[in-house]
Amino acid sequence: MKGFVGLKTDSLEQTTAKLNAVTSNILYTNFESKVDLLEDISEEERTKYKKEVANSIETVVGQ
């Protein structure tokens, strides 16, 4: 699953590399495109949801 998420053992110490791997993952990009279409939530809520999804991909899917 780490390969699916894009996390490699040598990049785990590099926060930027980790974030880029997660935010370029199909699970994240699909969520991002859909949440960006929602008109009934604020930009702050969108950002919060995106951070939660990125964290879940990294900690749950990537484990």
N, C-alpha and C. Protein backbone atom coordinates (compact mmCIF):
# COMPACT_ATOMS: atom_id res chain seq x y z
N MET A 1 0.82 -1.20 0.00
CA MET A 1 0.00 0.00 0.00
C MET A 1 0.86 1.26 0.00
N LYS A 2 2.05 1.19 0.60
CA LYS A 2 2.91 2.38 0.57
C LYS A 2 3.25 2.76 -0.86
N GLY A 3 3.43 1.76 -1.71
CA GLY A 3 3.69 2.05 -3.12
C GLY A 3 2.50 2.69 -3.79
N PHE A 4 1.30 2.23 -3.45
CA PHE A 4 0.07 2.81 -4.01
C PHE A 4 -0.07 4.26 -3.60
N VAL A 5 0.21 4.54 -2.34
CA VAL A 5 0.10 5.90 -1.83
C VAL A 5 1.25 6.75 -2.36
N GLY A 6 2.35 6.12 -2.68
CA GLY A 6 3.50 6.87 -3.18
C GLY A 6 4.54 7.11 -2.13
N LEU A 7 4.41 6.45 -0.98
CA LEU A 7 5.38 6.62 0.09
C LEU A 7 6.45 5.55 -0.03
N LYS A 8 7.69 5.97 -0.03
CA LYS A 8 8.80 5.04 -0.06
C LYS A 8 9.55 5.18 1.25
N THR A 9 10.15 4.13 1.70
CA THR A 9 10.84 4.18 2.99
C THR A 9 11.90 5.26 3.04
N ASP A 10 12.59 5.54 1.94
CA ASP A 10 13.63 6.56 1.96
C ASP A 10 13.07 7.98 1.93
N SER A 11 11.78 8.14 1.68
CA SER A 11 11.20 9.49 1.65
C SER A 11 10.35 9.78 2.88
N LEU A 12 10.29 8.86 3.83
CA LEU A 12 9.43 9.06 5.00
C LEU A 12 9.90 10.23 5.87
N GLU A 13 11.19 10.53 5.85
CA GLU A 13 11.68 11.65 6.66
C GLU A 13 11.45 12.99 5.97
N GLN A 14 11.13 12.97 4.73
CA GLN A 14 10.97 14.22 3.98
C GLN A 14 9.49 14.58 3.88
N THR A 15 9.07 15.51 4.72
CA THR A 15 7.67 15.89 4.79
C THR A 15 7.14 16.36 3.44
N THR A 16 7.88 17.16 2.73
CA THR A 16 7.42 17.67 1.44
C THR A 16 7.22 16.54 0.44
N ALA A 17 8.15 15.62 0.39
CA ALA A 17 8.04 14.48 -0.52
C ALA A 17 6.83 13.64 -0.16
N LYS A 18 6.59 13.46 1.13
CA LYS A 18 5.44 12.69 1.59
C LYS A 18 4.14 13.38 1.18
N LEU A 19 4.06 14.66 1.43
CA LEU A 19 2.85 15.41 1.10
C LEU A 19 2.60 15.38 -0.40
N ASN A 20 3.62 15.57 -1.20
CA ASN A 20 3.45 15.53 -2.65
C ASN A 20 3.00 14.15 -3.12
N ALA A 21 3.53 13.10 -2.52
CA ALA A 21 3.13 11.75 -2.89
C ALA A 21 1.66 11.52 -2.56
N VAL A 22 1.24 11.98 -1.40
CA VAL A 22 -0.15 11.78 -0.98
C VAL A 22 -1.09 12.63 -1.82
N THR A 23 -0.78 13.89 -2.03
CA THR A 23 -1.69 14.77 -2.75
C THR A 23 -1.73 14.51 -4.24
N SER A 24 -0.81 13.70 -4.75
CA SER A 24 -0.88 13.32 -6.16
C SER A 24 -1.51 11.94 -6.34
N ASN A 25 -1.87 11.30 -5.23
CA ASN A 25 -2.51 9.99 -5.27
C ASN A 25 -3.94 10.11 -5.82
N ILE A 26 -4.38 9.09 -6.54
CA ILE A 26 -5.72 9.11 -7.16
C ILE A 26 -6.84 9.26 -6.12
N LEU A 27 -6.66 8.70 -4.94
CA LEU A 27 -7.69 8.85 -3.91
C LEU A 27 -7.84 10.32 -3.52
N TYR A 28 -6.71 11.00 -3.36
CA TYR A 28 -6.75 12.41 -2.97
C TYR A 28 -7.25 13.28 -4.12
N THR A 29 -6.70 13.09 -5.31
CA THR A 29 -7.08 13.96 -6.43
C THR A 29 -8.55 13.81 -6.79
N ASN A 30 -9.07 12.60 -6.66
CA ASN A 30 -10.50 12.38 -6.92
C ASN A 30 -11.35 13.12 -5.87
N PHE A 31 -10.97 12.99 -4.60
CA PHE A 31 -11.69 13.70 -3.54
C PHE A 31 -11.60 15.21 -3.76
N GLU A 32 -10.40 15.68 -4.04
CA GLU A 32 -10.19 17.12 -4.21
C GLU A 32 -11.07 17.69 -5.33
N SER A 33 -11.14 16.99 -6.44
CA SER A 33 -11.94 17.50 -7.56
C SER A 33 -13.42 17.55 -7.21
N LYS A 34 -13.86 16.61 -6.40
CA LYS A 34 -15.28 16.60 -6.02
C LYS A 34 -15.60 17.63 -4.94
N VAL A 35 -14.74 17.76 -3.96
CA VAL A 35 -15.00 18.73 -2.88
C VAL A 35 -14.91 20.16 -3.41
N ASP A 36 -14.07 20.38 -4.41
CA ASP A 36 -13.96 21.72 -4.99
C ASP A 36 -15.23 22.15 -5.72
N LEU A 37 -16.05 21.20 -6.11
CA LEU A 37 -17.31 21.51 -6.79
C LEU A 37 -18.44 21.88 -5.83
N LEU A 38 -18.27 21.56 -4.55
CA LEU A 38 -19.32 21.84 -3.58
C LEU A 38 -19.45 23.35 -3.35
N GLU A 39 -20.64 23.84 -3.50
CA GLU A 39 -20.87 25.28 -3.33
C GLU A 39 -21.37 25.63 -1.94
N ASP A 40 -21.81 24.63 -1.19
CA ASP A 40 -22.43 24.89 0.11
C ASP A 40 -21.45 24.89 1.28
N ILE A 41 -20.15 24.76 1.01
CA ILE A 41 -19.19 24.78 2.10
C ILE A 41 -18.14 25.87 1.83
N SER A 42 -17.56 26.35 2.91
CA SER A 42 -16.58 27.43 2.80
C SER A 42 -15.22 26.88 2.36
N GLU A 43 -14.37 27.79 1.96
CA GLU A 43 -13.00 27.42 1.57
C GLU A 43 -12.26 26.80 2.76
N GLU A 44 -12.52 27.32 3.94
CA GLU A 44 -11.88 26.78 5.14
C GLU A 44 -12.29 25.32 5.36
N GLU A 45 -13.57 25.02 5.13
CA GLU A 45 -14.04 23.64 5.27
C GLU A 45 -13.40 22.74 4.22
N ARG A 46 -13.30 23.23 2.99
CA ARG A 46 -12.65 22.45 1.93
C ARG A 46 -11.22 22.10 2.32
N THR A 47 -10.50 23.10 2.79
CA THR A 47 -9.11 22.90 3.20
C THR A 47 -9.03 21.90 4.34
N LYS A 48 -9.91 22.01 5.30
CA LYS A 48 -9.94 21.09 6.43
C LYS A 48 -10.19 19.66 5.95
N TYR A 49 -11.15 19.47 5.08
CA TYR A 49 -11.47 18.14 4.57
C TYR A 49 -10.31 17.56 3.76
N LYS A 50 -9.67 18.40 2.98
CA LYS A 50 -8.53 17.93 2.18
C LYS A 50 -7.38 17.48 3.08
N LYS A 51 -7.13 18.24 4.15
CA LYS A 51 -6.08 17.85 5.09
C LYS A 51 -6.42 16.53 5.77
N GLU A 52 -7.69 16.36 6.13
CA GLU A 52 -8.12 15.11 6.76
C GLU A 52 -7.95 13.92 5.82
N VAL A 53 -8.31 14.10 4.56
CA VAL A 53 -8.18 13.02 3.58
C VAL A 53 -6.69 12.71 3.36
N ALA A 54 -5.87 13.72 3.21
CA ALA A 54 -4.43 13.49 3.01
C ALA A 54 -3.85 12.73 4.20
N ASN A 55 -4.23 13.13 5.41
CA ASN A 55 -3.76 12.45 6.60
C ASN A 55 -4.22 11.00 6.63
N SER A 56 -5.47 10.77 6.28
CA SER A 56 -6.00 9.38 6.26
C SER A 56 -5.29 8.53 5.23
N ILE A 57 -5.02 9.08 4.07
CA ILE A 57 -4.30 8.33 3.04
C ILE A 57 -2.91 7.96 3.54
N GLU A 58 -2.26 8.91 4.18
CA GLU A 58 -0.90 8.67 4.67
C GLU A 58 -0.88 7.67 5.82
N THR A 59 -1.79 7.83 6.77
CA THR A 59 -1.72 7.02 8.00
C THR A 59 -2.50 5.73 7.94
N VAL A 60 -3.59 5.66 7.17
CA VAL A 60 -4.40 4.46 7.13
C VAL A 60 -4.08 3.63 5.88
N VAL A 61 -4.17 4.25 4.73
CA VAL A 61 -3.93 3.53 3.47
C VAL A 61 -2.45 3.18 3.35
N GLY A 62 -1.58 4.08 3.75
CA GLY A 62 -0.15 3.88 3.60
C GLY A 62 0.46 2.92 4.60
N GLN A 63 -0.31 2.42 5.52
CA GLN A 63 0.24 1.51 6.54
C GLN A 63 0.22 0.10 6.08
